[in-house]
Amino acid sequence: MIRNVFRLSALLLTATVAVPTASVQAQAGGGVAFVYMRAVMQQTPGYAQAESTWVAEFEGFRNEILKLQEDLNTAVGKFEESSVMLSASNRATERKKLEDMETAMRTREAELQQRAQTRRQELIDPMEERALSVVEGIRAEGNYAIVFDVSNQASAIIAADKSKDLTAKVIERLKASAGGN
C-alpha cells in the first residue's frame, strides 16, 4: 500500500514537472540543463583560499560569541549561588548587571554576524557572481530555457540526462577566464 502511494506520488511529481518543462521548452525554444554549483565553486580559481579565509574568520567570531556566552553563564551561576544572601536591592542591582551583560553579548553577536556577512560578500560573492555569469553565458549559447543547480540535497530533481550537465563546461570556462586575467 505504502509502495503504491509512493509510486503514485512519484508519478504525479513527474507529471507536474514534465508537463511544465515541456511547455517551457516549446515556448522558449530551449531545453533544460543542470549544474552542480558547489562543484563549480570548489573548482573556481581562488575560491578555496577565499572560503578558507572566511571560515577561519567566522570561527574567530563564533569563538568570541561562545566566550561571551560562557562568561554570562558563569555570572548567572554565581548570581544564583549568592542571590539568597543578597538584600532585595543588591539582588536587583546584580540582576540588572546580568541583563546588561546579556544585552551587550547580543549586541556584539549581531555586530559579528554583520561583519561575517560583509566579509563573505567581499571574499566569496564576486566569485559566485562570476560563476553565475559563466552559467548564464553557457545557458544563452546552448539555448537552454532553464539551468537548475542540483548541488542541494533538497533538490526535487531525482534523475537527469548526464549530457545536460554543464558543470564541467562551466569549470573549464572559469579556469580559462582566470588564466586570461
Protein backbone atom coordinates (compact mmCIF):
# COMPACT_ATOMS: atom_id res chain seq x y z
CA MET A 1 0.00 0.00 0.00
CA ILE A 2 2.73 2.47 1.03
CA ARG A 3 4.74 1.45 -2.03
CA ASN A 4 1.74 2.25 -4.27
CA VAL A 5 1.29 5.66 -2.61
CA PHE A 6 4.99 6.37 -3.17
CA ARG A 7 4.74 5.34 -6.84
CA LEU A 8 1.63 7.47 -7.28
CA SER A 9 3.38 10.44 -5.64
CA ALA A 10 6.42 9.95 -7.86
CA LEU A 11 4.19 9.70 -10.93
CA LEU A 12 2.32 12.89 -10.00
CA LEU A 13 5.61 14.68 -9.34
CA THR A 14 6.95 13.52 -12.69
CA ALA A 15 3.80 14.65 -14.43
CA THR A 16 3.78 18.07 -12.76
CA VAL A 17 7.48 18.60 -13.54
CA ALA A 18 7.48 17.09 -17.04
CA VAL A 19 4.47 18.94 -18.42
CA PRO A 20 5.64 22.44 -17.45
CA THR A 21 9.18 21.60 -18.60
CA ALA A 22 7.89 20.52 -21.99
CA SER A 23 5.82 23.68 -22.35
CA VAL A 24 8.75 25.85 -21.23
CA GLN A 25 10.93 24.16 -23.83
CA ALA A 26 8.34 24.68 -26.54
CA GLN A 27 7.77 28.33 -25.61
CA ALA A 28 11.41 29.24 -25.11
CA GLY A 29 12.77 27.08 -27.88
CA GLY A 30 15.38 25.71 -25.46
CA GLY A 31 15.95 22.77 -23.26
CA VAL A 32 16.70 22.29 -19.64
CA ALA A 33 20.17 21.71 -18.22
CA PHE A 34 21.72 21.45 -14.80
CA VAL A 35 24.90 22.29 -12.98
CA TYR A 36 26.46 21.34 -9.65
CA MET A 37 27.27 24.86 -8.45
CA ARG A 38 29.05 23.59 -5.34
CA ALA A 39 31.49 21.68 -7.56
CA VAL A 40 31.84 24.72 -9.81
CA MET A 41 32.66 26.94 -6.85
CA GLN A 42 35.17 24.46 -5.43
CA GLN A 43 36.99 24.48 -8.79
CA THR A 44 36.81 28.26 -9.25
CA PRO A 45 40.34 29.72 -9.06
CA GLY A 46 40.83 31.48 -5.73
CA TYR A 47 37.64 30.16 -4.18
CA ALA A 48 39.28 27.62 -1.86
CA GLN A 49 41.55 30.32 -0.39
CA ALA A 50 38.68 32.80 -0.05
CA GLU A 51 36.43 30.22 1.59
CA SER A 52 39.23 29.12 3.93
CA THR A 53 39.85 32.74 4.95
CA TRP A 54 36.16 33.34 5.54
CA VAL A 55 35.72 30.12 7.55
CA ALA A 56 38.74 30.99 9.74
CA GLU A 57 37.39 34.49 10.38
CA PHE A 58 33.90 33.12 11.03
CA GLU A 59 35.33 30.63 13.55
CA GLY A 60 37.02 33.52 15.34
CA PHE A 61 33.70 35.36 15.54
CA ARG A 62 31.96 32.20 16.72
CA ASN A 63 34.58 31.58 19.41
CA GLU A 64 34.20 35.14 20.67
CA ILE A 65 30.43 34.68 20.97
CA LEU A 66 30.91 31.34 22.76
CA LYS A 67 33.32 33.00 25.23
CA LEU A 68 30.81 35.80 25.92
CA GLN A 69 28.07 33.18 26.45
CA GLU A 70 30.33 31.22 28.80
CA ASP A 71 31.12 34.40 30.78
CA LEU A 72 27.41 35.17 31.05
CA ASN A 73 26.60 31.62 32.16
CA THR A 74 29.33 31.83 34.83
CA ALA A 75 27.99 35.15 36.08
CA VAL A 76 24.44 33.77 36.21
CA GLY A 77 25.68 30.74 38.17
CA LYS A 78 27.46 32.96 40.69
CA PHE A 79 24.37 35.13 41.00
CA GLU A 80 22.15 32.11 41.63
CA GLU A 81 24.54 30.85 44.33
CA SER A 82 24.76 34.17 46.15
CA SER A 83 21.32 35.65 45.49
CA VAL A 84 19.86 34.10 48.63
CA MET A 85 22.30 36.05 50.77
CA LEU A 86 21.76 39.38 48.96
CA SER A 87 19.34 42.05 50.01
CA ALA A 88 16.46 42.79 47.65
CA SER A 89 18.15 45.94 46.34
CA ASN A 90 21.51 44.21 45.84
CA ARG A 91 19.75 41.31 44.12
CA ALA A 92 18.00 43.79 41.77
CA THR A 93 21.35 45.52 41.09
CA GLU A 94 23.06 42.21 40.28
CA ARG A 95 20.13 41.10 38.12
CA LYS A 96 20.40 44.41 36.19
CA LYS A 97 24.14 43.77 35.66
CA LEU A 98 23.31 40.35 34.22
CA GLU A 99 20.67 41.85 31.93
CA ASP A 100 23.17 44.47 30.75
CA MET A 101 25.76 41.77 30.20
CA GLU A 102 23.30 39.76 28.12
CA THR A 103 22.30 42.84 26.12
CA ALA A 104 25.97 43.61 25.43
CA MET A 105 26.51 40.00 24.35
CA ARG A 106 23.52 40.09 21.97
CA THR A 107 24.70 43.41 20.53
CA ARG A 108 28.20 42.03 19.97
CA GLU A 109 26.74 38.87 18.44
CA ALA A 110 24.74 40.97 15.95
CA GLU A 111 27.86 43.02 15.12
CA LEU A 112 29.90 39.88 14.50
CA GLN A 113 27.17 38.35 12.34
CA GLN A 114 27.09 41.52 10.26
CA ARG A 115 30.89 41.51 9.94
CA ALA A 116 30.82 37.85 8.90
CA GLN A 117 28.17 38.58 6.27
CA THR A 118 30.07 41.61 4.97
CA ARG A 119 33.30 39.64 4.84
CA ARG A 120 31.60 36.83 2.92
CA GLN A 121 30.29 39.38 0.44
CA GLU A 122 33.81 40.74 -0.01
CA LEU A 123 35.54 37.37 -0.37
CA ILE A 124 33.08 34.96 -1.97
CA ASP A 125 30.25 36.89 -3.64
CA PRO A 126 32.41 38.18 -6.53
CA MET A 127 33.42 34.62 -7.40
CA GLU A 128 29.83 33.40 -7.21
CA GLU A 129 28.74 36.27 -9.46
CA ARG A 130 31.47 35.39 -11.97
CA ALA A 131 30.42 31.72 -11.93
CA LEU A 132 26.76 32.65 -12.41
CA SER A 133 27.78 34.89 -15.31
CA VAL A 134 29.54 31.96 -16.96
CA VAL A 135 26.49 29.74 -16.38
CA GLU A 136 24.28 32.42 -17.92
CA GLY A 137 26.59 32.66 -20.94
CA ILE A 138 26.53 28.91 -21.48
CA ARG A 139 22.76 28.88 -20.98
CA ALA A 140 22.36 31.50 -23.68
CA GLU A 141 24.81 29.78 -26.07
CA GLY A 142 23.11 26.42 -25.63
CA ASN A 143 19.68 27.99 -25.94
CA TYR A 144 18.66 26.46 -22.61
CA ALA A 145 15.46 27.84 -21.12
CA ILE A 146 16.42 26.84 -17.59
CA VAL A 147 19.55 25.69 -15.78
CA PHE A 148 18.99 24.05 -12.39
CA ASP A 149 21.52 23.92 -9.56
CA VAL A 150 21.40 20.33 -8.33
CA SER A 151 24.02 20.71 -5.58
CA ASN A 152 21.39 20.94 -2.89
CA GLN A 153 20.22 17.63 -1.44
CA ALA A 154 16.70 19.09 -1.18
CA SER A 155 16.53 19.41 -4.97
CA ALA A 156 13.34 17.93 -6.41
CA ILE A 157 15.30 16.54 -9.37
CA ILE A 158 15.72 12.81 -8.90
CA ALA A 159 17.08 11.83 -12.32
CA ALA A 160 18.58 13.71 -15.25
CA ASP A 161 20.26 13.14 -18.59
CA LYS A 162 24.01 13.43 -17.83
CA SER A 163 24.53 15.07 -21.23
CA LYS A 164 22.66 18.10 -19.85
CA ASP A 165 25.20 18.52 -17.02
CA LEU A 166 27.01 21.79 -17.67
CA THR A 167 29.28 21.59 -14.62
CA ALA A 168 32.49 20.63 -16.46
CA LYS A 169 31.91 23.26 -19.14
CA VAL A 170 31.36 25.98 -16.53
CA ILE A 171 34.50 24.96 -14.60
CA GLU A 172 36.52 24.93 -17.83
CA ARG A 173 35.35 28.45 -18.74
CA LEU A 174 36.02 29.80 -15.26
CA LYS A 175 39.55 28.41 -15.26
CA ALA A 176 40.16 29.75 -18.76
CA SER A 177 38.90 33.21 -17.79
CA ALA A 178 41.08 33.21 -14.66
CA GLY A 179 44.12 32.37 -16.77
CA GLY A 180 43.37 35.29 -19.06
CA ASN A 181 43.07 37.84 -16.21
